[in-house]
Amino acid sequence: MYYPAILIEDAIMGGVIVILPDMPGLVTTGDTMDIALDNVQDAVEHYLRDAETAPHPSDLDEVKQNEAFQKYNGVPALVHVDLGFLEERKR
């Protein structure tokens, strides 16, 4: 499933910050864009560790209204998240 994300360059520490607005509080980082995006899967699995289902993805245009997107000059993106771990836990 693809979730909208906000990508923000971390001007202070360097690297990239990734925020998934559909999962409030979920933030992950990486030294490079590739590493930050690779870290999304682990962050989502941790975020949903006690959940039975995942939130439905918002429309990418809705993300552009997000405060973090506007305040930090974020870049909108769609990131792939494999939600198969939710099904595996039910077994």
N, C-alpha and C. Protein backbone atom coordinates (compact mmCIF):
# COMPACT_ATOMS: atom_id res chain seq x y z
N MET A 1 0.84 -1.16 0.00
CA MET A 1 0.00 0.00 0.00
C MET A 1 0.90 1.23 0.00
N TYR A 2 0.44 2.28 -0.66
CA TYR A 2 1.20 3.52 -0.72
C TYR A 2 0.58 4.56 0.20
N TYR A 3 1.44 5.18 1.03
CA TYR A 3 1.01 6.23 1.94
C TYR A 3 1.67 7.54 1.55
N PRO A 4 0.93 8.63 1.67
CA PRO A 4 1.56 9.93 1.43
C PRO A 4 2.53 10.24 2.56
N ALA A 5 3.62 10.87 2.20
CA ALA A 5 4.65 11.23 3.17
C ALA A 5 5.11 12.65 2.91
N ILE A 6 5.71 13.21 3.94
CA ILE A 6 6.34 14.52 3.81
C ILE A 6 7.83 14.31 4.04
N LEU A 7 8.63 14.72 3.08
CA LEU A 7 10.07 14.60 3.17
C LEU A 7 10.63 15.99 3.46
N ILE A 8 11.46 16.07 4.50
CA ILE A 8 12.01 17.35 4.92
C ILE A 8 13.51 17.22 5.08
N GLU A 9 14.24 18.14 4.47
CA GLU A 9 15.69 18.16 4.65
C GLU A 9 15.98 18.70 6.04
N ASP A 10 16.78 17.96 6.80
CA ASP A 10 17.14 18.38 8.16
C ASP A 10 18.36 19.30 8.08
N ALA A 11 18.10 20.61 8.12
CA ALA A 11 19.16 21.60 7.96
C ALA A 11 20.10 21.65 9.16
N ILE A 12 19.65 21.20 10.31
CA ILE A 12 20.48 21.27 11.52
C ILE A 12 21.39 20.05 11.65
N MET A 13 20.79 18.86 11.61
CA MET A 13 21.55 17.63 11.81
C MET A 13 22.03 17.00 10.50
N GLY A 14 21.47 17.45 9.40
CA GLY A 14 21.77 16.83 8.12
C GLY A 14 20.84 15.64 7.92
N GLY A 15 20.75 15.16 6.73
CA GLY A 15 19.90 14.01 6.45
C GLY A 15 18.49 14.42 6.07
N VAL A 16 17.60 13.45 6.17
CA VAL A 16 16.22 13.61 5.73
C VAL A 16 15.27 13.11 6.80
N ILE A 17 14.19 13.84 6.99
CA ILE A 17 13.13 13.44 7.92
C ILE A 17 11.93 13.02 7.08
N VAL A 18 11.29 11.93 7.47
CA VAL A 18 10.09 11.46 6.78
C VAL A 18 8.95 11.42 7.80
N ILE A 19 7.84 12.08 7.45
CA ILE A 19 6.64 12.10 8.29
C ILE A 19 5.50 11.46 7.50
N LEU A 20 4.76 10.56 8.16
CA LEU A 20 3.56 10.00 7.57
C LEU A 20 2.35 10.58 8.30
N PRO A 21 1.69 11.57 7.73
CA PRO A 21 0.58 12.24 8.42
C PRO A 21 -0.58 11.32 8.79
N ASP A 22 -0.76 10.22 8.08
CA ASP A 22 -1.84 9.29 8.40
C ASP A 22 -1.58 8.50 9.67
N MET A 23 -0.36 8.60 10.18
CA MET A 23 0.03 7.92 11.41
C MET A 23 0.65 8.97 12.34
N PRO A 24 -0.20 9.72 13.04
CA PRO A 24 0.28 10.83 13.86
C PRO A 24 1.41 10.42 14.81
N GLY A 25 2.47 11.21 14.77
CA GLY A 25 3.62 10.93 15.62
C GLY A 25 4.68 10.07 14.96
N LEU A 26 4.36 9.46 13.82
CA LEU A 26 5.35 8.62 13.14
C LEU A 26 6.32 9.51 12.37
N VAL A 27 7.56 9.45 12.79
CA VAL A 27 8.64 10.20 12.14
C VAL A 27 9.84 9.27 12.08
N THR A 28 10.50 9.26 10.94
CA THR A 28 11.74 8.50 10.83
C THR A 28 12.75 9.35 10.08
N THR A 29 14.00 8.99 10.17
CA THR A 29 15.06 9.79 9.57
C THR A 29 16.09 8.89 8.90
N GLY A 30 16.98 9.53 8.19
CA GLY A 30 18.11 8.83 7.61
C GLY A 30 19.14 9.83 7.13
N ASP A 31 20.39 9.38 7.03
CA ASP A 31 21.46 10.26 6.56
C ASP A 31 21.27 10.67 5.11
N THR A 32 20.59 9.80 4.34
CA THR A 32 20.30 10.09 2.94
C THR A 32 18.82 9.83 2.69
N MET A 33 18.33 10.27 1.56
CA MET A 33 16.93 10.04 1.18
C MET A 33 16.65 8.54 1.13
N ASP A 34 17.54 7.78 0.52
CA ASP A 34 17.33 6.33 0.40
C ASP A 34 17.23 5.66 1.77
N ILE A 35 18.13 6.04 2.68
CA ILE A 35 18.11 5.43 4.02
C ILE A 35 16.84 5.83 4.76
N ALA A 36 16.46 7.10 4.66
CA ALA A 36 15.24 7.56 5.33
C ALA A 36 14.02 6.80 4.82
N LEU A 37 13.93 6.61 3.52
CA LEU A 37 12.79 5.88 2.95
C LEU A 37 12.84 4.40 3.32
N ASP A 38 14.02 3.83 3.38
CA ASP A 38 14.15 2.43 3.81
C ASP A 38 13.70 2.25 5.25
N ASN A 39 13.87 3.26 6.08
CA ASN A 39 13.49 3.18 7.49
C ASN A 39 11.98 3.28 7.72
N VAL A 40 11.24 3.66 6.70
CA VAL A 40 9.79 3.82 6.85
C VAL A 40 9.13 2.50 7.25
N GLN A 41 9.49 1.40 6.61
CA GLN A 41 8.85 0.11 6.90
C GLN A 41 8.98 -0.26 8.38
N ASP A 42 10.19 -0.17 8.91
CA ASP A 42 10.40 -0.50 10.33
C ASP A 42 9.62 0.45 11.24
N ALA A 43 9.59 1.72 10.87
CA ALA A 43 8.87 2.70 11.69
C ALA A 43 7.37 2.40 11.70
N VAL A 44 6.81 2.02 10.56
CA VAL A 44 5.39 1.69 10.49
C VAL A 44 5.10 0.43 11.29
N GLU A 45 5.94 -0.58 11.18
CA GLU A 45 5.72 -1.81 11.95
C GLU A 45 5.76 -1.53 13.45
N HIS A 46 6.65 -0.67 13.86
CA HIS A 46 6.70 -0.30 15.28
C HIS A 46 5.46 0.50 15.67
N TYR A 47 5.08 1.43 14.83
CA TYR A 47 3.91 2.28 15.10
C TYR A 47 2.63 1.45 15.24
N LEU A 48 2.49 0.45 14.39
CA LEU A 48 1.28 -0.38 14.37
C LEU A 48 1.44 -1.67 15.17
N ARG A 49 2.40 -1.72 16.06
CA ARG A 49 2.71 -2.97 16.78
C ARG A 49 1.52 -3.54 17.54
N ASP A 50 0.60 -2.70 18.01
CA ASP A 50 -0.57 -3.19 18.76
C ASP A 50 -1.87 -3.05 17.97
N ALA A 51 -1.76 -2.66 16.72
CA ALA A 51 -2.96 -2.42 15.89
C ALA A 51 -3.38 -3.69 15.16
N GLU A 52 -4.66 -3.76 14.88
CA GLU A 52 -5.17 -4.87 14.06
C GLU A 52 -5.27 -4.47 12.60
N THR A 53 -5.44 -3.19 12.35
CA THR A 53 -5.53 -2.69 10.99
C THR A 53 -4.69 -1.41 10.86
N ALA A 54 -4.44 -1.04 9.63
CA ALA A 54 -3.70 0.19 9.35
C ALA A 54 -4.68 1.27 8.91
N PRO A 55 -4.34 2.52 9.14
CA PRO A 55 -5.21 3.60 8.68
C PRO A 55 -5.26 3.64 7.15
N HIS A 56 -6.37 4.12 6.64
CA HIS A 56 -6.51 4.28 5.20
C HIS A 56 -5.65 5.46 4.75
N PRO A 57 -4.91 5.32 3.66
CA PRO A 57 -4.06 6.42 3.20
C PRO A 57 -4.88 7.64 2.75
N SER A 58 -4.38 8.79 3.10
CA SER A 58 -4.98 10.05 2.65
C SER A 58 -4.60 10.30 1.20
N ASP A 59 -5.26 11.25 0.62
CA ASP A 59 -4.92 11.72 -0.72
C ASP A 59 -3.66 12.59 -0.61
N LEU A 60 -2.79 12.49 -1.58
CA LEU A 60 -1.55 13.25 -1.56
C LEU A 60 -1.82 14.76 -1.48
N ASP A 61 -2.89 15.22 -2.11
CA ASP A 61 -3.22 16.65 -2.07
C ASP A 61 -3.56 17.10 -0.64
N GLU A 62 -4.13 16.21 0.17
CA GLU A 62 -4.44 16.55 1.56
C GLU A 62 -3.16 16.79 2.36
N VAL A 63 -2.12 16.06 2.02
CA VAL A 63 -0.85 16.19 2.73
C VAL A 63 -0.27 17.58 2.53
N LYS A 64 -0.52 18.16 1.39
CA LYS A 64 0.02 19.49 1.11
C LYS A 64 -0.59 20.55 2.03
N GLN A 65 -1.66 20.22 2.72
CA GLN A 65 -2.28 21.14 3.67
C GLN A 65 -1.71 20.95 5.08
N ASN A 66 -0.90 19.93 5.26
CA ASN A 66 -0.32 19.61 6.57
C ASN A 66 0.61 20.73 7.03
N GLU A 67 0.55 21.05 8.33
CA GLU A 67 1.36 22.13 8.89
C GLU A 67 2.86 21.91 8.68
N ALA A 68 3.32 20.68 8.89
CA ALA A 68 4.75 20.38 8.72
C ALA A 68 5.17 20.58 7.26
N PHE A 69 4.30 20.21 6.34
CA PHE A 69 4.59 20.37 4.92
C PHE A 69 4.80 21.84 4.60
N GLN A 70 3.91 22.67 5.11
CA GLN A 70 3.98 24.09 4.82
C GLN A 70 5.09 24.79 5.59
N LYS A 71 5.24 24.48 6.86
CA LYS A 71 6.21 25.16 7.71
C LYS A 71 7.66 24.85 7.33
N TYR A 72 7.94 23.61 6.97
CA TYR A 72 9.31 23.19 6.71
C TYR A 72 9.63 22.99 5.24
N ASN A 73 8.76 23.52 4.38
CA ASN A 73 8.99 23.41 2.94
C ASN A 73 9.19 21.95 2.53
N GLY A 74 8.29 21.10 3.01
CA GLY A 74 8.38 19.67 2.74
C GLY A 74 8.10 19.32 1.30
N VAL A 75 8.53 18.13 0.95
CA VAL A 75 8.30 17.59 -0.39
C VAL A 75 7.33 16.43 -0.25
N PRO A 76 6.20 16.46 -0.98
CA PRO A 76 5.26 15.34 -0.88
C PRO A 76 5.78 14.13 -1.65
N ALA A 77 5.47 12.96 -1.14
CA ALA A 77 5.89 11.72 -1.81
C ALA A 77 4.91 10.61 -1.42
N LEU A 78 4.89 9.59 -2.22
CA LEU A 78 4.17 8.37 -1.87
C LEU A 78 5.20 7.32 -1.52
N VAL A 79 5.04 6.69 -0.36
CA VAL A 79 5.98 5.66 0.07
C VAL A 79 5.26 4.32 0.19
N HIS A 80 5.93 3.28 -0.25
CA HIS A 80 5.34 1.95 -0.19
C HIS A 80 5.55 1.36 1.20
N VAL A 81 4.48 0.80 1.75
CA VAL A 81 4.54 0.11 3.04
C VAL A 81 3.90 -1.26 2.85
N ASP A 82 4.64 -2.30 3.17
CA ASP A 82 4.12 -3.66 3.09
C ASP A 82 3.39 -3.95 4.40
N LEU A 83 2.07 -4.06 4.33
CA LEU A 83 1.25 -4.30 5.53
C LEU A 83 1.03 -5.78 5.80
N GLY A 84 1.75 -6.64 5.11
CA GLY A 84 1.61 -8.07 5.31
C GLY A 84 1.89 -8.51 6.73
N PHE A 85 2.68 -7.74 7.46
CA PHE A 85 2.99 -8.11 8.85
C PHE A 85 1.76 -8.12 9.72
N LEU A 86 0.74 -7.32 9.38
CA LEU A 86 -0.51 -7.32 10.16
C LEU A 86 -1.23 -8.66 10.01
N GLU A 87 -1.26 -9.19 8.82
CA GLU A 87 -1.90 -10.48 8.57
C GLU A 87 -1.11 -11.62 9.23
N GLU A 88 0.21 -11.53 9.13
CA GLU A 88 1.04 -12.58 9.72
C GLU A 88 0.86 -12.66 11.22
N ARG A 89 0.64 -11.54 11.87
CA ARG A 89 0.44 -11.53 13.32
C ARG A 89 -0.85 -12.21 13.70
N LYS A 90 -1.84 -12.19 12.83
CA LYS A 90 -3.15 -12.80 13.14
C LYS A 90 -3.08 -14.32 13.14
N ARG A 91 -2.06 -14.87 12.48
CA ARG A 91 -1.94 -16.33 12.37
C ARG A 91 -1.44 -16.95 13.62
